[in-house]
Protein backbone atom coordinates (compact mmCIF):
# COMPACT_ATOMS: atom_id res chain seq x y z
CA MET A 1 -136.12 -82.07 88.85
CA LEU A 2 -137.40 -81.38 92.35
CA SER A 3 -141.03 -80.47 92.86
CA ASN A 4 -141.91 -77.04 94.23
CA THR A 5 -143.07 -78.81 97.38
CA SER A 6 -139.60 -80.27 97.98
CA LYS A 7 -137.87 -77.01 97.07
CA TYR A 8 -140.04 -75.03 99.49
CA ALA A 9 -139.55 -77.63 102.21
CA ILE A 10 -135.76 -77.58 101.82
CA ARG A 11 -135.65 -73.77 101.83
CA ALA A 12 -137.85 -73.61 104.94
CA VAL A 13 -135.76 -76.17 106.84
CA ILE A 14 -132.52 -74.34 105.96
CA TYR A 15 -134.16 -71.09 107.09
CA LEU A 16 -135.14 -72.66 110.40
CA ALA A 17 -131.64 -74.08 110.85
CA ILE A 18 -130.22 -70.58 110.47
CA TYR A 19 -132.74 -68.50 112.38
CA ALA A 20 -134.59 -70.68 114.88
CA VAL A 21 -132.78 -70.63 118.18
CA GLU A 22 -133.43 -73.37 120.73
CA LYS A 23 -136.69 -72.72 122.59
CA LYS A 24 -137.52 -69.86 120.18
CA ARG A 25 -139.86 -70.68 117.34
CA ILE A 26 -140.53 -68.81 114.13
CA GLY A 27 -144.09 -68.19 112.98
CA ILE A 28 -145.33 -69.37 109.63
CA LYS A 29 -146.14 -65.84 108.43
CA LYS A 30 -142.53 -64.71 108.99
CA ILE A 31 -141.11 -67.77 107.24
CA ALA A 32 -143.52 -67.43 104.31
CA ASP A 33 -142.84 -63.70 103.93
CA ASP A 34 -139.07 -64.04 104.16
CA LEU A 35 -138.96 -66.94 101.69
CA ASN A 36 -141.72 -65.62 99.43
CA ILE A 37 -143.73 -68.85 99.71
CA PRO A 38 -147.55 -68.83 99.87
CA SER A 39 -148.45 -69.20 103.55
CA PRO A 40 -151.24 -71.83 103.16
CA PHE A 41 -148.99 -74.04 101.00
CA LEU A 42 -146.07 -73.62 103.39
CA GLY A 43 -148.33 -74.51 106.32
CA LYS A 44 -149.18 -77.86 104.76
CA ILE A 45 -145.53 -78.56 104.02
CA LEU A 46 -144.39 -77.72 107.53
CA GLN A 47 -147.11 -79.86 109.11
CA VAL A 48 -145.92 -82.87 107.12
CA LEU A 49 -142.38 -82.28 108.36
CA VAL A 50 -143.65 -81.94 111.94
CA ARG A 51 -145.55 -85.25 111.69
CA ARG A 52 -142.36 -86.87 110.39
CA LYS A 53 -140.38 -85.37 113.33
CA LEU A 54 -138.02 -83.36 111.10
CA LEU A 55 -139.53 -80.17 112.55
CA SER A 56 -141.21 -79.31 115.81
CA SER A 57 -144.03 -76.86 116.38
CA THR A 58 -145.46 -75.02 119.33
CA LYS A 59 -148.84 -73.30 119.54
CA GLY A 60 -149.54 -70.02 121.25
CA PRO A 61 -148.24 -66.45 121.26
CA ASN A 62 -144.59 -67.54 121.32
CA GLY A 63 -145.27 -70.51 119.10
CA GLY A 64 -144.03 -71.39 115.68
CA PHE A 65 -141.68 -73.86 114.07
CA GLY A 66 -138.19 -75.10 114.84
CA LEU A 67 -136.05 -78.08 113.94
CA GLY A 68 -137.08 -81.45 115.33
CA LYS A 69 -133.58 -82.88 114.93
CA LYS A 70 -130.08 -81.50 114.81
CA PRO A 71 -129.43 -79.98 111.36
CA GLU A 72 -126.51 -82.39 110.86
CA LYS A 73 -128.98 -85.28 111.15
CA ILE A 74 -131.39 -84.03 108.44
CA THR A 75 -130.44 -84.77 104.84
CA LEU A 76 -131.93 -83.47 101.64
CA TYR A 77 -132.98 -87.05 100.93
CA ASP A 78 -135.01 -87.14 104.17
CA ILE A 79 -136.97 -84.07 103.12
CA ILE A 80 -137.52 -85.13 99.51
CA ILE A 81 -138.75 -88.59 100.55
CA GLU A 82 -141.23 -87.04 102.98
CA MET A 83 -142.52 -84.52 100.45
CA ASP A 84 -142.55 -86.52 97.21
CA GLY A 85 -141.80 -90.15 98.00
CA ASP A 86 -139.08 -92.03 96.17
CA ASP A 87 -140.35 -91.64 92.60
CA LEU A 88 -137.55 -89.22 91.73
CA PHE A 89 -135.03 -91.91 92.59
CA ASN A 90 -136.81 -94.93 91.10
CA THR A 91 -138.94 -93.87 88.15
CA CYS A 92 -137.65 -94.34 84.64
CA LEU A 93 -136.62 -90.99 83.14
CA LEU A 94 -138.85 -91.26 80.07
CA GLY A 95 -141.37 -93.73 81.39
CA THR A 96 -143.99 -93.67 84.05
CA ARG A 97 -143.15 -96.86 85.87
CA ASN A 98 -140.60 -97.84 88.46
CA CYS A 99 -137.29 -98.98 86.97
CA ASP A 100 -137.32 -102.10 89.15
CA ASP A 101 -140.68 -103.11 87.61
CA LYS A 102 -139.29 -102.65 84.12
CA LYS A 103 -136.12 -104.54 85.07
CA LYS A 104 -138.20 -107.59 86.04
CA GLU A 105 -139.86 -107.46 82.64
CA GLY A 106 -136.54 -106.94 80.84
CA GLU A 107 -137.44 -103.53 79.39
CA TYR A 108 -136.15 -100.05 80.05
CA CYS A 109 -136.63 -96.59 78.61
CA ALA A 110 -134.17 -95.49 75.92
CA LEU A 111 -132.19 -93.40 78.43
CA HIS A 112 -132.10 -95.88 81.28
CA ASN A 113 -128.45 -96.92 80.98
CA ASP A 114 -127.25 -93.35 80.36
CA PHE A 115 -129.25 -91.95 83.26
CA GLU A 116 -128.48 -94.68 85.80
CA ASP A 117 -125.09 -93.21 86.77
CA VAL A 118 -126.57 -89.72 87.06
CA ARG A 119 -129.40 -91.03 89.25
CA ASN A 120 -126.97 -92.89 91.51
CA LYS A 121 -124.83 -89.75 91.95
CA MET A 122 -127.96 -87.70 92.63
CA VAL A 123 -129.11 -90.13 95.33
CA GLU A 124 -125.64 -90.09 96.88
CA LEU A 125 -125.60 -86.27 96.92
CA TYR A 126 -129.06 -86.00 98.49
CA LYS A 127 -128.29 -88.66 101.10
CA ASN A 128 -124.98 -87.08 102.10
CA LYS A 129 -125.81 -83.35 102.01
CA THR A 130 -127.16 -82.21 105.37
CA ILE A 131 -129.18 -79.19 106.35
CA GLY A 132 -126.36 -78.35 108.77
CA GLU A 133 -123.89 -78.03 105.90
CA LEU A 134 -126.28 -76.00 103.78
CA ALA A 135 -127.20 -73.71 106.66
CA ALA A 136 -123.54 -73.11 107.51
CA ASN A 137 -122.81 -72.25 103.89
CA ALA A 138 -125.85 -69.98 103.70
CA GLU A 139 -124.84 -68.15 106.91
CA ILE A 140 -121.34 -67.48 105.60
CA ASN A 141 -122.65 -66.28 102.24
CA ILE A 142 -126.01 -64.91 103.36
CA ASP A 143 -125.77 -61.88 101.09
CA LYS A 144 -125.17 -64.10 98.04
CA ILE A 145 -127.58 -66.97 98.67
CA VAL A 146 -131.28 -66.69 98.03
CA LEU A 147 -133.30 -69.09 100.09
């Protein structure tokens, strides 16, 4: 359900939460190689997150990327919204329009009522799951988790 852009962004932010130490930045080439993400695509993703203050970046020989906020303050929802907007959370499952627009007109897709509970739980999960939690889990199980 998530776009590759959101998936890559989430993986990169978790990676930075695990490996970027305060004042030490990680270069894009290292991140891209370790996560097996195309470097040019990752660069665009990371720049969006820097502009949105979720990440920070430094230029120069010791430059690279780090977290712009504490990992406990960054949720999956924050990243997804910045990468893809809120369509995942508002668009009708079978349709192409926003559910609120359809609600005003009194029409929904055939799965609207069945999917509404799932969507609400998904939003709740993404809003409550932090990068700090995911990074802690990944550090404990680093040999089992593929970022």
